[in-house]
Amino acid sequence: MEYDTAPRREGDSARLVANPSRIKEAMGWEARYTLDDIISSAWEWEQKRTDADYA
């Protein structure tokens, strides 16, 4: 998979953090899937797509 790295655009956040521990402490909410699970699932789905799916 190819990707490009570019400077931030005006209005982009300087830092993004995905840490669900604060909401777990505050509300008892817990993520069902890890980031690795989500990425793997999305990649598997993408691999199954056919040319007809893009039409």
N, C-alpha and C. Protein backbone atom coordinates (compact mmCIF):
# COMPACT_ATOMS: atom_id res chain seq x y z
N MET A 1 0.85 -1.16 0.00
CA MET A 1 0.00 0.00 0.00
C MET A 1 0.90 1.23 0.00
N GLU A 2 0.66 2.10 -0.94
CA GLU A 2 1.45 3.33 -1.02
C GLU A 2 0.71 4.45 -0.30
N TYR A 3 1.47 5.36 0.28
CA TYR A 3 0.86 6.52 0.91
C TYR A 3 1.84 7.68 0.83
N ASP A 4 1.31 8.87 0.95
CA ASP A 4 2.12 10.09 0.94
C ASP A 4 2.03 10.75 2.30
N THR A 5 3.10 11.38 2.70
CA THR A 5 3.12 12.19 3.91
C THR A 5 3.24 13.64 3.48
N ALA A 6 2.41 14.48 4.03
CA ALA A 6 2.40 15.88 3.65
C ALA A 6 2.29 16.74 4.90
N PRO A 7 2.66 18.00 4.79
CA PRO A 7 2.52 18.90 5.94
C PRO A 7 1.05 19.07 6.31
N ARG A 8 0.81 19.43 7.56
CA ARG A 8 -0.55 19.70 8.01
C ARG A 8 -1.15 20.84 7.22
N ARG A 9 -2.45 20.74 7.01
CA ARG A 9 -3.18 21.83 6.36
C ARG A 9 -3.69 22.78 7.42
N GLU A 10 -4.05 23.96 7.02
CA GLU A 10 -4.61 24.92 7.96
C GLU A 10 -5.86 24.32 8.60
N GLY A 11 -5.93 24.35 9.90
CA GLY A 11 -7.07 23.81 10.62
C GLY A 11 -6.90 22.37 11.08
N ASP A 12 -5.89 21.66 10.55
CA ASP A 12 -5.63 20.29 11.00
C ASP A 12 -5.12 20.29 12.43
N SER A 13 -5.48 19.27 13.18
CA SER A 13 -4.99 19.13 14.54
C SER A 13 -3.49 18.87 14.53
N ALA A 14 -2.81 19.43 15.51
CA ALA A 14 -1.37 19.20 15.62
C ALA A 14 -1.08 17.79 16.11
N ARG A 15 -2.03 17.22 16.84
CA ARG A 15 -1.81 15.90 17.42
C ARG A 15 -3.15 15.19 17.56
N LEU A 16 -3.19 13.93 17.17
CA LEU A 16 -4.38 13.11 17.33
C LEU A 16 -4.04 11.94 18.23
N VAL A 17 -4.89 11.69 19.20
CA VAL A 17 -4.66 10.60 20.15
C VAL A 17 -5.93 9.78 20.25
N ALA A 18 -5.79 8.48 20.13
CA ALA A 18 -6.94 7.59 20.28
C ALA A 18 -6.67 6.68 21.47
N ASN A 19 -7.16 7.10 22.61
CA ASN A 19 -6.97 6.33 23.84
C ASN A 19 -8.31 6.27 24.56
N PRO A 20 -8.97 5.11 24.53
CA PRO A 20 -10.30 5.01 25.12
C PRO A 20 -10.30 4.87 26.65
N SER A 21 -9.15 4.93 27.29
CA SER A 21 -9.12 4.70 28.74
C SER A 21 -9.88 5.78 29.52
N ARG A 22 -9.88 7.01 29.05
CA ARG A 22 -10.58 8.08 29.78
C ARG A 22 -12.08 7.87 29.79
N ILE A 23 -12.64 7.46 28.65
CA ILE A 23 -14.09 7.26 28.62
C ILE A 23 -14.47 6.01 29.42
N LYS A 24 -13.58 5.03 29.48
CA LYS A 24 -13.85 3.85 30.31
C LYS A 24 -13.93 4.26 31.77
N GLU A 25 -13.00 5.10 32.20
CA GLU A 25 -13.01 5.57 33.58
C GLU A 25 -14.23 6.43 33.87
N ALA A 26 -14.58 7.32 32.94
CA ALA A 26 -15.67 8.27 33.16
C ALA A 26 -17.06 7.64 33.02
N MET A 27 -17.23 6.73 32.04
CA MET A 27 -18.57 6.22 31.74
C MET A 27 -18.68 4.70 31.73
N GLY A 28 -17.56 4.02 31.92
CA GLY A 28 -17.60 2.57 31.89
C GLY A 28 -17.68 1.98 30.50
N TRP A 29 -17.49 2.82 29.47
CA TRP A 29 -17.56 2.35 28.09
C TRP A 29 -16.24 1.70 27.70
N GLU A 30 -16.32 0.59 26.98
CA GLU A 30 -15.11 -0.10 26.54
C GLU A 30 -15.23 -0.43 25.06
N ALA A 31 -14.18 -0.20 24.31
CA ALA A 31 -14.17 -0.50 22.88
C ALA A 31 -14.30 -2.01 22.67
N ARG A 32 -15.07 -2.40 21.67
CA ARG A 32 -15.22 -3.82 21.35
C ARG A 32 -14.06 -4.35 20.54
N TYR A 33 -13.45 -3.49 19.74
CA TYR A 33 -12.41 -3.91 18.81
C TYR A 33 -11.17 -3.04 18.99
N THR A 34 -10.01 -3.64 18.80
CA THR A 34 -8.77 -2.88 18.83
C THR A 34 -8.57 -2.21 17.48
N LEU A 35 -7.68 -1.25 17.42
CA LEU A 35 -7.37 -0.60 16.15
C LEU A 35 -6.83 -1.62 15.16
N ASP A 36 -6.00 -2.55 15.62
CA ASP A 36 -5.50 -3.61 14.74
C ASP A 36 -6.64 -4.44 14.16
N ASP A 37 -7.64 -4.78 15.00
CA ASP A 37 -8.80 -5.54 14.52
C ASP A 37 -9.54 -4.78 13.43
N ILE A 38 -9.75 -3.50 13.65
CA ILE A 38 -10.49 -2.66 12.70
C ILE A 38 -9.76 -2.57 11.37
N ILE A 39 -8.47 -2.33 11.42
CA ILE A 39 -7.68 -2.21 10.19
C ILE A 39 -7.66 -3.54 9.44
N SER A 40 -7.46 -4.64 10.16
CA SER A 40 -7.44 -5.96 9.53
C SER A 40 -8.77 -6.27 8.86
N SER A 41 -9.86 -5.98 9.55
CA SER A 41 -11.19 -6.23 8.99
C SER A 41 -11.43 -5.39 7.74
N ALA A 42 -11.06 -4.13 7.79
CA ALA A 42 -11.24 -3.25 6.63
C ALA A 42 -10.40 -3.72 5.45
N TRP A 43 -9.19 -4.16 5.72
CA TRP A 43 -8.30 -4.64 4.65
C TRP A 43 -8.86 -5.92 4.03
N GLU A 44 -9.34 -6.85 4.86
CA GLU A 44 -9.94 -8.08 4.35
C GLU A 44 -11.14 -7.77 3.47
N TRP A 45 -11.98 -6.83 3.91
CA TRP A 45 -13.16 -6.44 3.13
C TRP A 45 -12.73 -5.85 1.79
N GLU A 46 -11.73 -4.99 1.81
CA GLU A 46 -11.25 -4.36 0.58
C GLU A 46 -10.71 -5.40 -0.39
N GLN A 47 -10.01 -6.40 0.11
CA GLN A 47 -9.45 -7.44 -0.75
C GLN A 47 -10.53 -8.27 -1.43
N LYS A 48 -11.70 -8.39 -0.83
CA LYS A 48 -12.80 -9.18 -1.40
C LYS A 48 -13.60 -8.42 -2.44
N ARG A 49 -13.40 -7.12 -2.52
CA ARG A 49 -14.16 -6.32 -3.48
C ARG A 49 -13.76 -6.69 -4.90
N THR A 50 -14.69 -6.57 -5.81
CA THR A 50 -14.44 -6.86 -7.22
C THR A 50 -14.52 -5.57 -8.02
N ASP A 51 -14.15 -5.66 -9.30
CA ASP A 51 -14.25 -4.49 -10.17
C ASP A 51 -15.68 -3.96 -10.23
N ALA A 52 -16.66 -4.86 -10.16
CA ALA A 52 -18.07 -4.45 -10.21
C ALA A 52 -18.43 -3.58 -9.01
N ASP A 53 -17.78 -3.82 -7.89
CA ASP A 53 -18.05 -3.02 -6.69
C ASP A 53 -17.64 -1.56 -6.88
N TYR A 54 -16.70 -1.32 -7.77
CA TYR A 54 -16.20 0.03 -7.99
C TYR A 54 -17.00 0.77 -9.07
N ALA A 55 -17.88 0.07 -9.76
CA ALA A 55 -18.63 0.68 -10.87
C ALA A 55 -19.75 1.55 -10.36
